[in-house]
């Protein structure tokens, strides 16, 4: 089975080797047909990338690295 990949914005880069990535997803409400936007934050390992807040990155699911870290930054899309 393929690992999950998400594209999100870095909202915090204050930790060592870790960034907080906010992923946004939009879906339609079944009854009201309104588009609803949901946000979720994931902690991701940086793999020695130098990444700052506001950058758009691609993250991929991996084995548990720590208590809350389950993702790795695969590539930096924008600064």
N, C-alpha and C. Protein backbone atom coordinates (compact mmCIF):
# COMPACT_ATOMS: atom_id res chain seq x y z
N UNK A 1 0.84 -1.18 0.00
CA UNK A 1 0.00 0.00 0.00
C UNK A 1 0.89 1.24 0.00
N UNK A 2 0.52 2.24 -0.76
CA UNK A 2 1.31 3.46 -0.90
C UNK A 2 1.19 4.32 0.36
N UNK A 3 2.28 5.02 0.67
CA UNK A 3 2.28 5.92 1.83
C UNK A 3 1.51 7.19 1.48
N UNK A 4 0.88 7.79 2.48
CA UNK A 4 0.14 9.02 2.27
C UNK A 4 1.09 10.17 2.02
N UNK A 5 0.76 11.03 1.07
CA UNK A 5 1.53 12.25 0.83
C UNK A 5 0.58 13.44 0.85
N UNK A 6 1.03 14.53 1.43
CA UNK A 6 0.25 15.75 1.53
C UNK A 6 1.11 16.94 1.13
N UNK A 7 0.45 18.00 0.70
CA UNK A 7 1.13 19.27 0.42
C UNK A 7 0.57 20.28 1.40
N UNK A 8 1.46 20.98 2.11
CA UNK A 8 1.01 21.92 3.13
C UNK A 8 1.98 23.06 3.34
N UNK A 9 1.57 23.98 4.21
CA UNK A 9 2.35 25.17 4.50
C UNK A 9 2.98 25.02 5.88
N UNK A 10 4.23 25.44 6.02
CA UNK A 10 4.92 25.36 7.31
C UNK A 10 4.46 26.52 8.18
N UNK A 11 3.94 26.19 9.36
CA UNK A 11 3.45 27.22 10.28
C UNK A 11 4.40 27.41 11.46
N UNK A 12 5.30 26.46 11.70
CA UNK A 12 6.27 26.60 12.78
C UNK A 12 7.53 25.83 12.42
N UNK A 13 8.68 26.51 12.57
CA UNK A 13 9.97 25.86 12.31
C UNK A 13 10.91 26.13 13.48
N UNK A 14 10.39 26.16 14.69
CA UNK A 14 11.17 26.53 15.87
C UNK A 14 11.85 25.35 16.54
N UNK A 15 11.51 24.13 16.13
CA UNK A 15 12.09 22.93 16.74
C UNK A 15 13.31 22.47 15.95
N UNK A 16 14.13 21.63 16.57
CA UNK A 16 15.29 21.07 15.89
C UNK A 16 14.86 19.90 15.02
N UNK A 17 15.21 19.95 13.74
CA UNK A 17 14.92 18.88 12.78
C UNK A 17 13.43 18.57 12.63
N UNK A 18 12.55 19.46 13.05
CA UNK A 18 11.12 19.23 12.99
C UNK A 18 10.40 20.50 12.57
N UNK A 19 9.38 20.35 11.75
CA UNK A 19 8.53 21.48 11.37
C UNK A 19 7.07 21.07 11.57
N UNK A 20 6.22 22.07 11.78
CA UNK A 20 4.79 21.85 11.88
C UNK A 20 4.17 22.27 10.55
N UNK A 21 3.49 21.34 9.89
CA UNK A 21 2.93 21.57 8.56
C UNK A 21 1.42 21.54 8.65
N UNK A 22 0.78 22.61 8.14
CA UNK A 22 -0.69 22.67 8.12
C UNK A 22 -1.18 22.27 6.74
N UNK A 23 -2.01 21.22 6.71
CA UNK A 23 -2.56 20.71 5.46
C UNK A 23 -4.03 21.10 5.41
N UNK A 24 -4.44 21.63 4.27
CA UNK A 24 -5.82 22.09 4.08
C UNK A 24 -6.53 21.15 3.12
N UNK A 25 -7.75 20.75 3.46
CA UNK A 25 -8.54 19.93 2.54
C UNK A 25 -9.94 20.50 2.44
N UNK A 26 -10.52 20.43 1.28
CA UNK A 26 -11.86 20.97 1.04
C UNK A 26 -12.77 19.83 0.57
N UNK A 27 -14.00 19.83 1.06
CA UNK A 27 -14.96 18.83 0.62
C UNK A 27 -16.35 19.45 0.60
N UNK A 28 -17.27 18.83 -0.11
CA UNK A 28 -18.65 19.32 -0.21
C UNK A 28 -19.51 18.68 0.87
N UNK A 29 -20.35 19.47 1.51
CA UNK A 29 -21.30 18.95 2.49
C UNK A 29 -22.38 18.17 1.73
N UNK A 30 -22.72 17.00 2.24
CA UNK A 30 -23.65 16.13 1.52
C UNK A 30 -25.04 16.74 1.37
N UNK A 31 -25.54 17.35 2.43
CA UNK A 31 -26.89 17.89 2.39
C UNK A 31 -26.95 19.30 1.82
N UNK A 32 -26.07 20.19 2.30
CA UNK A 32 -26.16 21.60 1.94
C UNK A 32 -25.33 21.98 0.73
N UNK A 33 -24.51 21.06 0.23
CA UNK A 33 -23.69 21.28 -0.96
C UNK A 33 -22.74 22.46 -0.83
N UNK A 34 -22.39 22.83 0.38
CA UNK A 34 -21.46 23.92 0.62
C UNK A 34 -20.04 23.35 0.75
N UNK A 35 -19.07 24.05 0.21
CA UNK A 35 -17.68 23.62 0.32
C UNK A 35 -17.16 23.98 1.71
N UNK A 36 -16.65 22.99 2.41
CA UNK A 36 -16.13 23.17 3.76
C UNK A 36 -14.63 22.94 3.71
N UNK A 37 -13.86 23.84 4.35
CA UNK A 37 -12.41 23.73 4.38
C UNK A 37 -11.99 23.32 5.78
N UNK A 38 -11.18 22.28 5.86
CA UNK A 38 -10.67 21.79 7.13
C UNK A 38 -9.14 21.87 7.12
N UNK A 39 -8.55 22.14 8.28
CA UNK A 39 -7.11 22.23 8.43
C UNK A 39 -6.65 21.19 9.45
N UNK A 40 -5.49 20.61 9.22
CA UNK A 40 -4.89 19.70 10.19
C UNK A 40 -3.39 19.92 10.19
N UNK A 41 -2.79 19.87 11.38
CA UNK A 41 -1.35 20.07 11.51
C UNK A 41 -0.66 18.73 11.73
N UNK A 42 0.46 18.56 11.05
CA UNK A 42 1.28 17.37 11.20
C UNK A 42 2.70 17.80 11.56
N UNK A 43 3.37 17.04 12.43
CA UNK A 43 4.78 17.27 12.70
C UNK A 43 5.57 16.42 11.71
N UNK A 44 6.57 17.04 11.07
CA UNK A 44 7.35 16.34 10.05
C UNK A 44 8.84 16.53 10.29
N UNK A 45 9.60 15.47 10.01
CA UNK A 45 11.05 15.51 10.11
C UNK A 45 11.60 16.22 8.89
N UNK A 46 12.64 17.06 9.07
CA UNK A 46 13.13 17.88 7.97
C UNK A 46 14.21 17.22 7.11
N UNK A 47 14.81 16.13 7.56
CA UNK A 47 15.87 15.45 6.79
C UNK A 47 17.00 16.41 6.43
N UNK A 48 17.39 17.28 7.36
CA UNK A 48 18.47 18.24 7.18
C UNK A 48 18.21 19.29 6.11
N UNK A 49 16.95 19.49 5.73
CA UNK A 49 16.59 20.59 4.84
C UNK A 49 16.56 21.87 5.67
N UNK A 50 16.92 23.00 5.09
CA UNK A 50 16.76 24.28 5.77
C UNK A 50 15.47 24.90 5.26
N UNK A 51 14.46 24.89 6.10
CA UNK A 51 13.12 25.32 5.72
C UNK A 51 12.65 26.38 6.71
N UNK A 52 12.02 27.43 6.18
CA UNK A 52 11.52 28.50 7.03
C UNK A 52 10.00 28.51 7.03
N UNK A 53 9.43 29.27 7.94
CA UNK A 53 7.97 29.39 8.01
C UNK A 53 7.43 30.00 6.73
N UNK A 54 6.25 29.53 6.32
CA UNK A 54 5.61 30.06 5.13
C UNK A 54 5.91 29.28 3.87
N UNK A 55 6.88 28.39 3.91
CA UNK A 55 7.25 27.59 2.73
C UNK A 55 6.19 26.51 2.49
N UNK A 56 6.00 26.16 1.23
CA UNK A 56 5.09 25.08 0.86
C UNK A 56 5.95 23.83 0.64
N UNK A 57 5.58 22.73 1.31
CA UNK A 57 6.37 21.50 1.24
C UNK A 57 5.46 20.30 0.98
N UNK A 58 6.09 19.23 0.51
CA UNK A 58 5.40 17.95 0.34
C UNK A 58 5.89 17.03 1.44
N UNK A 59 4.96 16.41 2.19
CA UNK A 59 5.34 15.49 3.26
C UNK A 59 4.80 14.10 2.94
N UNK A 60 5.50 13.09 3.45
CA UNK A 60 5.12 11.70 3.21
C UNK A 60 5.11 10.94 4.51
N UNK A 61 4.15 10.05 4.66
CA UNK A 61 4.04 9.21 5.84
C UNK A 61 5.23 8.26 5.93
N UNK A 62 5.71 8.02 7.16
CA UNK A 62 6.83 7.10 7.38
C UNK A 62 6.63 6.39 8.72
N UNK A 63 7.62 5.64 9.12
CA UNK A 63 7.55 4.96 10.41
C UNK A 63 7.55 6.00 11.53
N UNK A 64 7.07 5.68 12.72
CA UNK A 64 7.10 6.65 13.83
C UNK A 64 8.53 7.05 14.18
N UNK A 65 8.79 8.36 14.17
CA UNK A 65 10.11 8.88 14.50
C UNK A 65 10.15 9.27 15.97
N UNK A 66 9.04 9.79 16.49
CA UNK A 66 8.93 10.13 17.90
C UNK A 66 7.46 9.95 18.30
N UNK A 67 7.10 10.48 19.45
CA UNK A 67 5.73 10.30 19.95
C UNK A 67 4.69 10.84 18.97
N UNK A 68 4.95 12.01 18.37
CA UNK A 68 3.98 12.64 17.48
C UNK A 68 4.42 12.75 16.03
N UNK A 69 5.68 12.48 15.74
CA UNK A 69 6.20 12.64 14.38
C UNK A 69 6.03 11.36 13.58
N UNK A 70 5.23 11.44 12.50
CA UNK A 70 4.99 10.29 11.63
C UNK A 70 5.17 10.65 10.15
N UNK A 71 5.70 11.83 9.86
CA UNK A 71 5.87 12.29 8.49
C UNK A 71 7.28 12.80 8.27
N UNK A 72 7.70 12.81 6.99
CA UNK A 72 9.00 13.34 6.57
C UNK A 72 8.78 14.34 5.46
N UNK A 73 9.58 15.41 5.46
CA UNK A 73 9.53 16.37 4.36
C UNK A 73 10.26 15.74 3.17
N UNK A 74 9.55 15.61 2.06
CA UNK A 74 10.12 15.01 0.86
C UNK A 74 10.77 16.07 -0.01
N UNK A 75 10.06 17.17 -0.27
CA UNK A 75 10.62 18.23 -1.08
C UNK A 75 10.02 19.57 -0.73
N UNK A 76 10.79 20.61 -1.00
CA UNK A 76 10.37 21.98 -0.77
C UNK A 76 9.86 22.53 -2.10
N UNK A 77 8.58 22.91 -2.16
CA UNK A 77 7.99 23.35 -3.42
C UNK A 77 8.20 24.85 -3.65
N UNK A 78 7.98 25.69 -2.61
CA UNK A 78 8.23 27.12 -2.72
C UNK A 78 8.88 27.60 -1.43
N UNK A 79 9.45 28.79 -1.47
CA UNK A 79 10.12 29.34 -0.29
C UNK A 79 9.14 30.02 0.61
